[in-house]
Amino acid sequence: MREFQTKPLIERPWLVLSLVLLGAMVVRLVVFWRTPVIAEDSFFYIYHAQKILAGAWEEAVRCRYNFIPFSSLSIIPFYELVGDWILAGQMSSVFWTLAGTVPLYLLSRQLFSSRVALLMAVAYAFLPFFVKRSLDVLKGPPFWFFSLMGFYLVGRFGQEKRPFWLSLASISFLLASSSRIEALVYLPGTFLFIPFLCRGQGCSPPKALLFFALPPLMVLGLFFLPLFSNKEGTFSLYHLYFEHRIGLIKRHSSYHHWYSQFDTLARKTGAPLWKYLRETLWILPLEILVYKIFSAISGLGPIFCLGMARAKSRLKEPLVAYLSFLSALAFLLLLFWAYKFPAITKRYVIVFVLPAYVFVGLGLEWLLDRWPKRQKKVFVFLLILLLSFPLVDIHKLRRKNKIPFLKAARVINRLERHHRPVKIATTSWYILFYVNYFRRPAICYLSMVNYRQLTSNPQNLPQVLRQEKVAYFVWEEKTLGRRGETIRAVADKYLQPLGVFPDSSLGTIILYRIPPKEASRPDEASLPPRLSGERPGRP
């Protein structure tokens, strides 16, 4: 009889990669059920998608952001599939996040063995930051995918010396920068490094540079050309993508922001080191930047440091040198941003983390080579370790302090059976979004009402609310401060209370409905079912 020999699982890369993606999807499903509300910025990207689908491009760029990221466009096909804007946005984010695993694995195979490449794919797909952010509707996931795809395509050029790959890489970086502007740093970084990648016979540096520069030059030609016009003026690529960012860079730095962050660090760690560093004014942004980077990569920190220590021995390899060079450029960009505009978050530092994943691979390679006779056991240990990273806090309910706003929104939705937008007096975008995101026409949540102006004169609150045609008023203890009790007394007297939502961090939140002027406030017993009492049901 003929004997069939089966290959070891590790030698069947696409099957292994499929299993990694399946496991990553399961983890994200768990996080999905533990994510009752999405991030605040998500509301505006969904609004963009709603307006674009309706053909109202001009209105889309008037609500907070005057640019339309690629992530907003990618929501629309998923909405056509499922018919729910939030679910469509989450599906889009998960798709782009998991899709990024493929170019990262292919890039890793250009540098490392199949075992190291598999571990790097797991390190990306199961990194807690990427897991959680892929359940929000943000600009990041398409940026991650197209950046990694660009790195892989540059690596293909380094192997085959075909300039065609550079044109594709350039397009990938442009698509990445259409989501997050900081991805533009990859374009000049790659352009400067192409002559080093083009060493050898059959490769012409001028030709390679031309192929890479052609897509950006074509986009640059459209830079100031009008794309569309409205009553307020003409919009171009400059208005859509750069004007908002340049306005941020022009702001002056405020070190009070850094001080507050260091106070938080000191409370968390209790280490005297932070108190000392807090006084070293000039180095504050650098220290916070490093802290944010290691917070983003979580448990990969030690492996990352091992890889950086080993990088020197492999810098002669063009692709390792290229990714290291991009990492250095991205770090300098973040450092400039930190000194100019102190608002560094984990989302920003990913522009450094993506090319710096090469150091994670070098660290994993060193650990496997350190014990050659026990390499299989070390591989299994590292695999289990990387798979366990998201399990630490996967059970935690995300944005728990936003749930009272979600409860209030559900109360309003049970009362509002029509499809017109509902005007609500509140500082919470969560209430405005979860009440109005499926209504037509879509509205910009920033342009509804001025909460502070409405509550500036408590005695005239009912009249002002009716004049502004506000349907619901939200009393927010933390926002109103000292005036809160006076405003609450007026609201209790003239408005219809619908529910009280206490929270340890937000204070008490009370939802009121504004009755018509001639109507008297109904008794508690006349309220709709499940709306009276102190605590509406769980979301």
Protein backbone atom coordinates (compact mmCIF):
# COMPACT_ATOMS: atom_id res chain seq x y z
CA MET A 1 0.00 0.00 0.00
CA ARG A 2 1.09 3.53 -0.74
CA GLU A 3 1.89 5.51 2.33
CA PHE A 4 0.92 9.15 2.57
CA GLN A 5 3.11 11.45 4.58
CA THR A 6 1.53 14.55 6.06
CA LYS A 7 3.54 17.69 6.51
CA PRO A 8 3.95 19.11 10.00
CA LEU A 9 1.46 21.86 10.73
CA ILE A 10 4.19 24.50 10.90
CA GLU A 11 5.13 23.71 7.27
CA ARG A 12 1.61 24.48 6.05
CA PRO A 13 1.70 28.28 6.49
CA TRP A 14 -1.64 29.21 4.98
CA LEU A 15 -3.49 26.66 7.09
CA VAL A 16 -1.71 27.93 10.19
CA LEU A 17 -2.44 31.54 9.24
CA SER A 18 -6.11 30.67 8.75
CA LEU A 19 -6.19 29.17 12.25
CA VAL A 20 -4.57 32.33 13.64
CA LEU A 21 -7.20 34.51 11.95
CA LEU A 22 -9.99 32.25 13.20
CA GLY A 23 -8.70 32.46 16.77
CA ALA A 24 -8.32 36.23 16.48
CA MET A 25 -11.90 36.46 15.26
CA VAL A 26 -13.16 34.46 18.25
CA VAL A 27 -11.33 36.80 20.63
CA ARG A 28 -12.88 39.80 18.90
CA LEU A 29 -16.36 38.30 19.19
CA VAL A 30 -15.87 38.08 22.95
CA VAL A 31 -14.67 41.69 23.08
CA PHE A 32 -17.64 42.66 20.87
CA TRP A 33 -20.06 41.41 23.50
CA ARG A 34 -18.13 43.33 26.16
CA THR A 35 -18.21 46.60 24.18
CA PRO A 36 -21.63 48.19 24.81
CA VAL A 37 -20.60 51.56 23.36
CA ILE A 38 -18.07 52.51 20.70
CA ALA A 39 -15.49 55.31 20.86
CA GLU A 40 -16.64 58.93 20.53
CA ASP A 41 -14.67 59.60 17.34
CA SER A 42 -16.54 56.71 15.72
CA PHE A 43 -19.72 58.79 15.64
CA PHE A 44 -18.27 61.25 13.15
CA TYR A 45 -16.85 58.61 10.81
CA ILE A 46 -20.26 56.95 10.70
CA TYR A 47 -21.82 60.37 10.03
CA HIS A 48 -19.40 60.81 7.11
CA ALA A 49 -20.48 57.45 5.70
CA GLN A 50 -24.17 58.35 6.09
CA LYS A 51 -23.75 61.63 4.23
CA ILE A 52 -21.57 60.11 1.50
CA LEU A 53 -24.15 57.39 0.86
CA ALA A 54 -26.79 60.13 0.58
CA GLY A 55 -24.57 62.05 -1.86
CA ALA A 56 -24.09 65.00 0.51
CA TRP A 57 -20.29 65.29 0.43
CA GLU A 58 -20.34 68.98 1.35
CA GLU A 59 -22.23 68.32 4.58
CA ALA A 60 -19.94 65.43 5.47
CA VAL A 61 -16.91 67.71 5.83
CA ARG A 62 -18.69 70.29 8.01
CA CYS A 63 -19.03 68.16 11.13
CA ARG A 64 -15.94 68.36 13.35
CA TYR A 65 -13.49 66.94 10.78
CA ASN A 66 -13.12 68.69 7.44
CA PHE A 67 -11.63 65.57 5.85
CA ILE A 68 -13.04 62.19 4.89
CA PRO A 69 -10.82 59.25 5.89
CA PHE A 70 -10.73 56.00 3.95
CA SER A 71 -12.33 54.26 6.95
CA SER A 72 -15.58 56.21 6.40
CA LEU A 73 -15.75 55.06 2.79
CA SER A 74 -15.12 51.44 3.75
CA ILE A 75 -18.14 51.41 6.09
CA ILE A 76 -20.62 51.81 3.23
CA PRO A 77 -20.25 48.33 1.61
CA PHE A 78 -20.72 46.66 4.98
CA TYR A 79 -23.80 48.81 5.67
CA GLU A 80 -25.32 47.68 2.39
CA LEU A 81 -24.74 44.13 3.63
CA VAL A 82 -26.07 44.32 7.22
CA GLY A 83 -28.20 47.50 7.31
CA ASP A 84 -26.85 48.74 10.66
CA TRP A 85 -24.32 51.57 10.79
CA ILE A 86 -22.62 50.59 14.05
CA LEU A 87 -22.31 46.92 13.13
CA ALA A 88 -21.12 47.88 9.63
CA GLY A 89 -18.42 50.11 11.10
CA GLN A 90 -17.25 47.39 13.48
CA MET A 91 -17.20 44.81 10.69
CA SER A 92 -15.12 47.17 8.56
CA SER A 93 -12.61 47.71 11.37
CA VAL A 94 -12.32 43.99 12.13
CA PHE A 95 -11.86 43.20 8.44
CA TRP A 96 -8.98 45.65 7.97
CA THR A 97 -7.32 44.64 11.24
CA LEU A 98 -7.34 40.93 10.47
CA ALA A 99 -6.40 41.57 6.84
CA GLY A 100 -3.23 43.27 8.11
CA THR A 101 -2.07 39.90 9.45
CA VAL A 102 -1.47 38.64 5.89
CA PRO A 103 1.05 41.28 4.69
CA LEU A 104 2.78 41.18 8.07
CA TYR A 105 3.22 37.40 7.78
CA LEU A 106 4.48 37.69 4.20
CA LEU A 107 6.86 40.46 5.23
CA SER A 108 8.12 38.33 8.11
CA ARG A 109 8.81 35.40 5.79
CA GLN A 110 11.18 37.65 3.83
CA LEU A 111 13.26 38.04 6.99
CA PHE A 112 12.66 35.08 9.29
CA SER A 113 11.82 31.40 9.45
CA SER A 114 8.24 30.16 9.26
CA ARG A 115 8.11 29.76 13.04
CA VAL A 116 9.16 33.34 13.73
CA ALA A 117 6.78 34.60 11.03
CA LEU A 118 3.91 32.70 12.64
CA LEU A 119 4.74 34.12 16.06
CA MET A 120 4.85 37.63 14.59
CA ALA A 121 1.42 37.13 13.01
CA VAL A 122 0.05 35.99 16.38
CA ALA A 123 1.74 38.93 18.12
CA TYR A 124 -0.09 41.30 15.78
CA ALA A 125 -3.49 39.60 15.65
CA PHE A 126 -3.68 39.11 19.44
CA LEU A 127 -2.08 42.34 20.64
CA PRO A 128 -4.62 43.80 23.13
CA PHE A 129 -4.46 47.28 21.59
CA PHE A 130 -5.30 45.99 18.11
CA VAL A 131 -7.98 43.67 19.48
CA LYS A 132 -9.84 46.43 21.31
CA ARG A 133 -9.43 49.13 18.68
CA SER A 134 -10.72 46.82 15.96
CA LEU A 135 -14.13 46.88 17.68
CA ASP A 136 -14.33 50.68 17.39
CA VAL A 137 -15.06 52.52 14.17
CA LEU A 138 -11.80 54.45 13.84
CA LYS A 139 -9.28 55.49 11.19
CA GLY A 140 -6.63 53.08 12.45
CA PRO A 141 -7.43 49.66 10.91
CA PRO A 142 -7.13 50.69 7.22
CA PHE A 143 -3.97 52.61 8.12
CA TRP A 144 -2.48 49.50 9.73
CA PHE A 145 -3.31 47.28 6.75
CA PHE A 146 -2.05 49.58 3.98
CA SER A 147 1.12 50.46 5.90
CA LEU A 148 2.01 46.78 6.37
CA MET A 149 1.14 46.09 2.75
CA GLY A 150 3.47 48.90 1.69
CA PHE A 151 6.34 47.43 3.74
CA TYR A 152 5.78 44.01 2.17
CA LEU A 153 5.74 45.45 -1.37
CA VAL A 154 8.99 47.32 -0.73
CA GLY A 155 10.44 44.01 0.44
CA ARG A 156 9.30 42.36 -2.80
CA PHE A 157 11.13 45.06 -4.72
CA GLY A 158 14.25 44.37 -2.67
CA GLN A 159 14.05 40.71 -3.70
CA GLU A 160 13.07 41.01 -7.37
CA LYS A 161 14.33 44.54 -8.28
CA ARG A 162 11.14 45.21 -10.25
CA PRO A 163 10.09 48.90 -9.97
CA PHE A 164 6.45 47.92 -10.41
CA TRP A 165 6.39 46.84 -6.76
CA LEU A 166 7.49 50.32 -5.70
CA SER A 167 4.53 51.94 -7.47
CA LEU A 168 2.17 49.60 -5.62
CA ALA A 169 3.96 50.35 -2.33
CA SER A 170 3.61 54.07 -2.96
CA ILE A 171 -0.13 53.68 -3.57
CA SER A 172 -0.43 51.66 -0.35
CA PHE A 173 1.27 54.40 1.66
CA LEU A 174 -1.02 57.02 0.08
CA LEU A 175 -4.08 54.98 1.06
CA ALA A 176 -2.67 54.60 4.58
CA SER A 177 -2.18 58.37 4.83
CA SER A 178 -5.77 58.93 3.68
CA SER A 179 -6.77 57.39 7.00
CA ARG A 180 -4.04 58.78 9.26
CA ILE A 181 -1.94 61.65 8.00
CA GLU A 182 1.20 60.58 9.87
CA ALA A 183 1.59 57.67 7.43
CA LEU A 184 2.98 60.22 4.97
CA VAL A 185 6.31 59.86 6.79
CA TYR A 186 6.70 56.48 5.06
CA LEU A 187 6.83 58.15 1.63
CA PRO A 188 9.97 60.30 2.06
CA GLY A 189 11.53 57.59 4.23
CA THR A 190 11.11 54.98 1.51
CA PHE A 191 12.17 57.41 -1.23
CA LEU A 192 15.43 58.17 0.58
CA PHE A 193 16.15 54.46 1.12
CA ILE A 194 15.42 53.19 -2.39
CA PRO A 195 19.05 53.62 -3.63
CA PHE A 196 20.21 51.29 -0.84
CA LEU A 197 17.54 48.73 -1.77
CA CYS A 198 18.49 49.01 -5.44
CA ARG A 199 22.03 47.74 -5.11
CA GLY A 200 22.98 44.96 -7.50
CA GLN A 201 22.76 44.20 -11.17
CA GLY A 202 19.60 44.88 -13.11
CA CYS A 203 18.37 47.72 -10.91
CA SER A 204 18.45 51.38 -11.91
CA PRO A 205 18.04 53.76 -8.93
CA PRO A 206 16.66 56.66 -11.05
CA LYS A 207 14.07 54.37 -12.63
CA ALA A 208 13.11 52.92 -9.25
CA LEU A 209 12.77 56.40 -7.74
CA LEU A 210 10.59 57.51 -10.65
CA PHE A 211 8.24 54.53 -10.29
CA PHE A 212 7.89 55.19 -6.57
CA ALA A 213 7.40 58.95 -6.96
CA LEU A 214 4.87 58.76 -9.79
CA PRO A 215 1.69 58.12 -7.67
CA PRO A 216 2.48 60.90 -5.13
CA LEU A 217 3.26 63.30 -7.98
CA MET A 218 -0.10 62.54 -9.56
CA VAL A 219 -1.84 63.18 -6.24
CA LEU A 220 0.19 66.35 -5.76
CA GLY A 221 -1.08 67.56 -9.11
CA LEU A 222 -4.61 67.31 -7.71
CA PHE A 223 -3.59 68.90 -4.42
CA PHE A 224 -5.03 72.37 -4.93
CA LEU A 225 -7.44 71.55 -7.75
CA PRO A 226 -11.07 72.05 -6.69
CA LEU A 227 -12.87 68.76 -6.13
CA PHE A 228 -16.27 70.29 -5.37
CA SER A 229 -17.74 73.60 -4.29
CA ASN A 230 -20.49 74.79 -2.01
CA LYS A 231 -21.81 78.10 -0.75
CA GLU A 232 -18.94 78.47 1.67
CA GLY A 233 -16.18 77.99 -0.89
CA THR A 234 -14.14 75.45 -2.77
CA PHE A 235 -12.75 72.24 -1.33
CA SER A 236 -9.57 70.54 -2.49
CA LEU A 237 -7.31 67.78 -1.18
CA TYR A 238 -5.60 70.44 0.92
CA HIS A 239 -8.88 71.32 2.65
CA LEU A 240 -9.89 67.69 3.06
CA TYR A 241 -6.72 66.26 4.56
CA PHE A 242 -4.20 68.90 5.62
CA GLU A 243 -5.86 72.10 6.78
CA HIS A 244 -7.19 70.58 10.00
CA ARG A 245 -3.85 68.92 10.88
CA ILE A 246 -1.78 72.02 10.13
CA GLY A 247 -4.08 74.01 12.39
CA LEU A 248 -3.27 71.63 15.24
CA ILE A 249 0.48 71.87 14.71
CA LYS A 250 0.33 75.68 14.87
CA ARG A 251 -1.00 75.56 18.43
CA HIS A 252 1.36 76.35 21.27
CA SER A 253 2.48 73.62 23.63
CA SER A 254 1.00 73.44 27.10
CA TYR A 255 3.12 71.55 29.60
CA HIS A 256 0.21 71.47 32.01
CA HIS A 257 -1.01 68.48 29.98
CA TRP A 258 2.25 66.63 30.58
CA TYR A 259 2.19 67.46 34.28
CA SER A 260 -1.28 65.98 34.64
CA GLN A 261 -0.15 62.79 32.90
CA PHE A 262 2.85 62.46 35.18
CA ASP A 263 0.64 62.98 38.21
CA THR A 264 -1.42 60.03 36.96
CA LEU A 265 1.71 57.92 36.52
CA ALA A 266 2.91 58.79 40.00
CA ARG A 267 -0.42 57.72 41.50
CA LYS A 268 -0.40 54.45 39.56
CA THR A 269 3.20 53.44 40.26
CA GLY A 270 4.05 55.33 43.41
CA ALA A 271 7.62 55.43 42.14
CA PRO A 272 9.81 58.38 43.22
CA LEU A 273 11.32 58.28 39.72
CA TRP A 274 8.22 59.83 38.20
CA LYS A 275 8.30 62.70 40.69
CA TYR A 276 11.90 63.40 39.72
CA LEU A 277 11.20 63.17 36.00
CA ARG A 278 8.23 65.49 36.43
CA GLU A 279 10.66 68.26 37.36
CA THR A 280 12.85 67.62 34.32
CA LEU A 281 10.73 69.86 32.13
CA TRP A 282 12.52 69.61 28.79
CA ILE A 283 12.47 65.81 28.70
CA LEU A 284 8.81 65.33 29.66
CA PRO A 285 7.45 64.74 26.12
CA LEU A 286 10.17 62.18 25.37
CA GLU A 287 9.42 60.25 28.54
CA ILE A 288 5.68 60.25 27.92
CA LEU A 289 6.22 59.18 24.30
CA VAL A 290 8.31 56.17 25.36
CA TYR A 291 5.72 55.31 28.01
CA LYS A 292 2.91 55.41 25.41
CA ILE A 293 4.86 53.18 23.02
CA PHE A 294 5.40 50.49 25.64
CA SER A 295 1.78 50.81 26.76
CA ALA A 296 0.64 50.17 23.19
CA ILE A 297 2.77 47.05 22.69
CA SER A 298 1.86 45.70 26.15
CA GLY A 299 3.64 42.43 26.98
CA LEU A 300 5.78 42.61 23.84
CA GLY A 301 8.03 45.17 25.56
CA PRO A 302 10.78 42.75 26.71
CA ILE A 303 10.83 40.97 23.34
CA PHE A 304 10.96 44.35 21.59
CA CYS A 305 13.98 45.41 23.67
CA LEU A 306 15.75 42.11 22.91
CA GLY A 307 15.17 42.70 19.21
CA MET A 308 16.55 46.23 19.33
CA ALA A 309 19.68 44.91 21.04
CA ARG A 310 20.10 42.33 18.27
CA ALA A 311 19.27 44.67 15.38
CA LYS A 312 22.86 45.88 15.02
CA SER A 313 24.03 42.46 13.86
CA ARG A 314 21.48 42.42 11.01
CA LEU A 315 21.49 46.03 9.85
CA LYS A 316 23.49 44.98 6.78
CA GLU A 317 20.33 43.32 5.48
CA PRO A 318 18.54 45.96 3.36
CA LEU A 319 15.00 45.19 4.57
CA VAL A 320 15.98 45.22 8.26
CA ALA A 321 17.84 48.49 7.72
CA TYR A 322 14.84 49.94 5.84
CA LEU A 323 12.32 49.14 8.57
CA SER A 324 14.73 50.40 11.24
CA PHE A 325 15.15 53.64 9.28
CA LEU A 326 11.38 54.12 9.01
CA SER A 327 11.03 53.45 12.74
CA ALA A 328 13.59 56.15 13.50
CA LEU A 329 11.84 58.67 11.23
CA ALA A 330 8.45 57.89 12.77
CA PHE A 331 9.88 58.28 16.28
CA LEU A 332 11.32 61.70 15.39
CA LEU A 333 7.96 62.73 13.93
CA LEU A 334 6.18 61.70 17.14
CA LEU A 335 8.76 63.51 19.23
CA PHE A 336 8.24 66.70 17.23
CA TRP A 337 4.49 66.31 17.63
CA ALA A 338 4.88 65.75 21.37
CA TYR A 339 6.87 68.95 21.84
CA LYS A 340 4.61 70.99 19.57
CA PHE A 341 1.20 69.70 20.58
CA PRO A 342 1.09 67.62 23.78
CA ALA A 343 -1.59 65.07 22.96
CA ILE A 344 0.17 61.76 22.39
CA THR A 345 -2.08 58.72 22.68
CA LYS A 346 -1.60 55.06 21.81
CA ARG A 347 -3.27 55.60 18.45
CA TYR A 348 -0.57 58.07 17.43
CA VAL A 349 2.40 55.85 18.31
CA ILE A 350 1.28 53.04 15.97
CA VAL A 351 3.04 54.88 13.13
CA PHE A 352 6.25 53.88 14.95
CA VAL A 353 5.07 50.46 16.15
CA LEU A 354 4.25 49.09 12.68
CA PRO A 355 7.76 49.31 11.13
CA ALA A 356 9.27 48.59 14.55
CA TYR A 357 7.58 45.16 14.53
CA VAL A 358 10.82 44.01 12.92
CA PHE A 359 12.40 44.30 16.38
CA VAL A 360 9.72 41.99 17.79
CA GLY A 361 10.69 39.46 15.11
CA LEU A 362 14.38 39.81 15.94
CA GLY A 363 13.62 39.28 19.62
CA LEU A 364 11.54 36.17 18.92
CA GLU A 365 14.27 34.83 16.64
CA TRP A 366 16.88 35.32 19.37
CA LEU A 367 14.73 33.43 21.90
CA LEU A 368 14.28 30.49 19.51
CA ASP A 369 17.98 30.39 18.62
CA ARG A 370 19.03 30.68 22.25
CA TRP A 371 17.96 27.10 22.97
CA PRO A 372 18.35 25.21 19.66
CA LYS A 373 17.82 21.77 21.20
CA ARG A 374 14.60 22.90 22.85
CA GLN A 375 13.38 25.09 20.04
CA LYS A 376 10.01 23.36 19.72
CA LYS A 377 9.28 23.77 23.42
CA VAL A 378 10.35 27.42 23.33
CA PHE A 379 8.14 27.94 20.27
CA VAL A 380 5.11 26.43 22.00
CA PHE A 381 5.78 28.50 25.13
CA LEU A 382 6.03 31.74 23.13
CA LEU A 383 2.92 30.85 21.14
CA ILE A 384 0.89 30.29 24.32
CA LEU A 385 2.30 33.49 25.82
CA LEU A 386 1.31 35.60 22.82
CA LEU A 387 -2.14 34.01 22.62
CA SER A 388 -2.75 34.79 26.30
CA PHE A 389 -2.12 38.55 26.06
CA PRO A 390 -5.73 39.58 25.32
CA LEU A 391 -7.13 37.13 27.90
CA VAL A 392 -5.93 39.28 30.80
CA ASP A 393 -8.77 41.79 30.54
CA ILE A 394 -11.00 40.31 27.83
CA HIS A 395 -13.77 39.82 30.40
CA LYS A 396 -13.88 43.49 31.41
CA LEU A 397 -16.75 45.68 30.28
CA ARG A 398 -15.36 48.46 28.08
CA ARG A 399 -16.34 52.11 28.74
CA LYS A 400 -18.46 51.12 31.69
CA ASN A 401 -18.87 54.76 32.71
CA LYS A 402 -20.66 55.51 29.40
CA ILE A 403 -23.44 52.98 29.99
CA PRO A 404 -25.74 55.49 31.79
CA PHE A 405 -25.79 57.56 28.58
CA LEU A 406 -26.66 54.44 26.59
CA LYS A 407 -29.52 53.68 29.00
CA ALA A 408 -30.87 57.20 28.60
CA ALA A 409 -30.68 56.87 24.82
CA ARG A 410 -32.66 53.63 24.93
CA VAL A 411 -35.36 55.29 27.00
CA ILE A 412 -35.72 57.99 24.34
CA ASN A 413 -35.76 55.43 21.53
CA ARG A 414 -38.63 53.55 23.19
CA LEU A 415 -40.63 56.78 23.18
CA GLU A 416 -39.68 58.06 19.72
CA ARG A 417 -41.39 55.91 17.11
CA HIS A 418 -40.85 58.27 14.16
CA HIS A 419 -37.71 58.60 12.08
CA ARG A 420 -37.03 62.32 12.35
CA PRO A 421 -33.89 63.44 14.24
CA VAL A 422 -34.44 64.11 17.94
CA LYS A 423 -33.05 67.28 19.50
CA ILE A 424 -31.53 66.67 22.93
CA ALA A 425 -29.90 69.09 25.37
CA THR A 426 -26.84 67.23 26.66
CA THR A 427 -23.05 67.35 26.61
CA SER A 428 -22.90 63.62 25.84
CA TRP A 429 -22.28 62.68 22.23
CA TYR A 430 -23.21 59.15 23.25
CA ILE A 431 -26.86 60.05 23.84
CA LEU A 432 -27.05 62.15 20.68
CA PHE A 433 -25.50 59.39 18.60
CA TYR A 434 -27.37 56.36 19.93
CA VAL A 435 -30.69 58.17 19.56
CA ASN A 436 -30.12 59.59 16.09
CA TYR A 437 -27.67 57.38 14.19
CA PHE A 438 -30.38 55.42 12.35
CA ARG A 439 -32.69 58.38 11.69
CA ARG A 440 -33.00 60.38 8.48
CA PRO A 441 -31.56 62.76 7.55
CA ALA A 442 -28.32 62.19 9.44
CA ILE A 443 -27.40 65.11 11.69
CA CYS A 444 -24.13 66.50 13.00
CA TYR A 445 -24.14 65.98 16.75
CA LEU A 446 -22.06 69.11 17.34
CA SER A 447 -24.65 71.45 15.85
CA MET A 448 -27.69 70.47 17.89
CA VAL A 449 -27.70 72.75 20.98
CA ASN A 450 -25.32 74.71 23.17
CA TYR A 451 -25.76 73.03 26.55
CA ARG A 452 -23.90 75.61 28.61
CA GLN A 453 -25.80 78.47 27.02
CA LEU A 454 -29.14 76.75 27.63
CA THR A 455 -28.36 76.23 31.32
CA SER A 456 -26.83 79.67 31.94
CA ASN A 457 -30.15 81.03 33.28
CA PRO A 458 -31.89 78.26 35.26
CA GLN A 459 -35.17 80.16 35.77
CA ASN A 460 -35.73 80.49 32.01
CA LEU A 461 -34.74 76.90 31.24
CA PRO A 462 -38.22 75.59 30.21
CA GLN A 463 -38.89 78.57 27.91
CA VAL A 464 -35.44 78.37 26.29
CA LEU A 465 -35.77 74.62 25.69
CA ARG A 466 -39.13 75.11 23.95
CA GLN A 467 -37.79 78.00 21.86
CA GLU A 468 -34.91 75.80 20.67
CA LYS A 469 -37.39 72.97 19.96
CA VAL A 470 -35.51 70.63 22.28
CA ALA A 471 -37.38 67.39 22.93
CA TYR A 472 -35.30 66.06 25.87
CA PHE A 473 -33.09 67.56 28.56
CA VAL A 474 -30.33 65.66 30.39
CA TRP A 475 -29.38 66.91 33.85
CA GLU A 476 -25.71 66.10 34.39
CA GLU A 477 -24.42 66.49 37.92
CA LYS A 478 -20.72 66.56 37.04
CA THR A 479 -21.13 69.07 34.21
CA LEU A 480 -23.42 71.54 35.97
CA GLY A 481 -21.48 71.75 39.22
CA ARG A 482 -22.80 74.33 41.70
CA ARG A 483 -25.72 75.37 39.48
CA GLY A 484 -26.90 71.79 39.30
CA GLU A 485 -29.32 71.77 42.23
CA THR A 486 -31.02 74.99 41.10
CA ILE A 487 -31.46 73.65 37.57
CA ARG A 488 -32.70 70.31 38.91
CA ALA A 489 -35.35 72.04 41.03
CA VAL A 490 -36.62 73.95 37.98
CA ALA A 491 -36.56 70.80 35.82
CA ASP A 492 -38.44 68.76 38.45
CA LYS A 493 -41.13 71.44 38.56
CA TYR A 494 -41.67 72.08 34.85
CA LEU A 495 -40.33 69.05 32.97
CA GLN A 496 -41.28 65.38 32.85
CA PRO A 497 -38.67 63.08 34.47
CA LEU A 498 -38.10 59.80 32.65
CA GLY A 499 -35.30 58.13 34.58
CA VAL A 500 -32.41 58.56 36.98
CA PHE A 501 -29.05 57.00 36.09
CA PRO A 502 -26.43 57.11 38.87
CA ASP A 503 -22.77 56.47 38.15
CA SER A 504 -19.72 56.55 40.42
CA SER A 505 -17.58 58.56 37.98
CA LEU A 506 -20.17 60.73 36.23
CA GLY A 507 -22.42 61.48 39.18
CA THR A 508 -26.18 61.36 38.74
CA ILE A 509 -27.75 61.73 35.30
CA ILE A 510 -31.47 62.52 35.00
CA LEU A 511 -33.41 62.39 31.74
CA TYR A 512 -36.36 64.78 31.25
CA ARG A 513 -38.86 65.21 28.45
CA ILE A 514 -40.01 68.74 27.58
CA PRO A 515 -43.84 68.78 27.61
CA PRO A 516 -45.86 71.27 25.54
CA LYS A 517 -46.36 74.64 27.21
CA GLU A 518 -50.03 74.05 27.91
CA ALA A 519 -49.47 70.53 29.28
CA SER A 520 -48.97 69.84 32.96
CA ARG A 521 -46.32 67.48 34.23
CA PRO A 522 -47.78 63.93 34.41
CA ASP A 523 -47.75 61.79 37.48
CA GLU A 524 -45.16 59.04 37.91
CA ALA A 525 -47.82 56.40 37.27
CA SER A 526 -48.56 57.80 33.81
CA LEU A 527 -45.05 57.19 32.50
CA PRO A 528 -44.54 54.40 29.95
CA PRO A 529 -43.63 50.94 31.28
CA ARG A 530 -40.04 50.48 32.56
CA LEU A 531 -39.41 54.25 32.49
CA SER A 532 -40.34 55.10 36.06
CA GLY A 533 -38.13 54.39 39.01
CA GLU A 534 -34.47 54.85 39.72
CA ARG A 535 -32.75 52.31 37.49
CA PRO A 536 -33.77 51.38 33.96
CA GLY A 537 -32.78 47.90 32.82
CA ARG A 538 -29.26 46.91 31.84
CA PRO A 539 -28.16 47.75 28.30
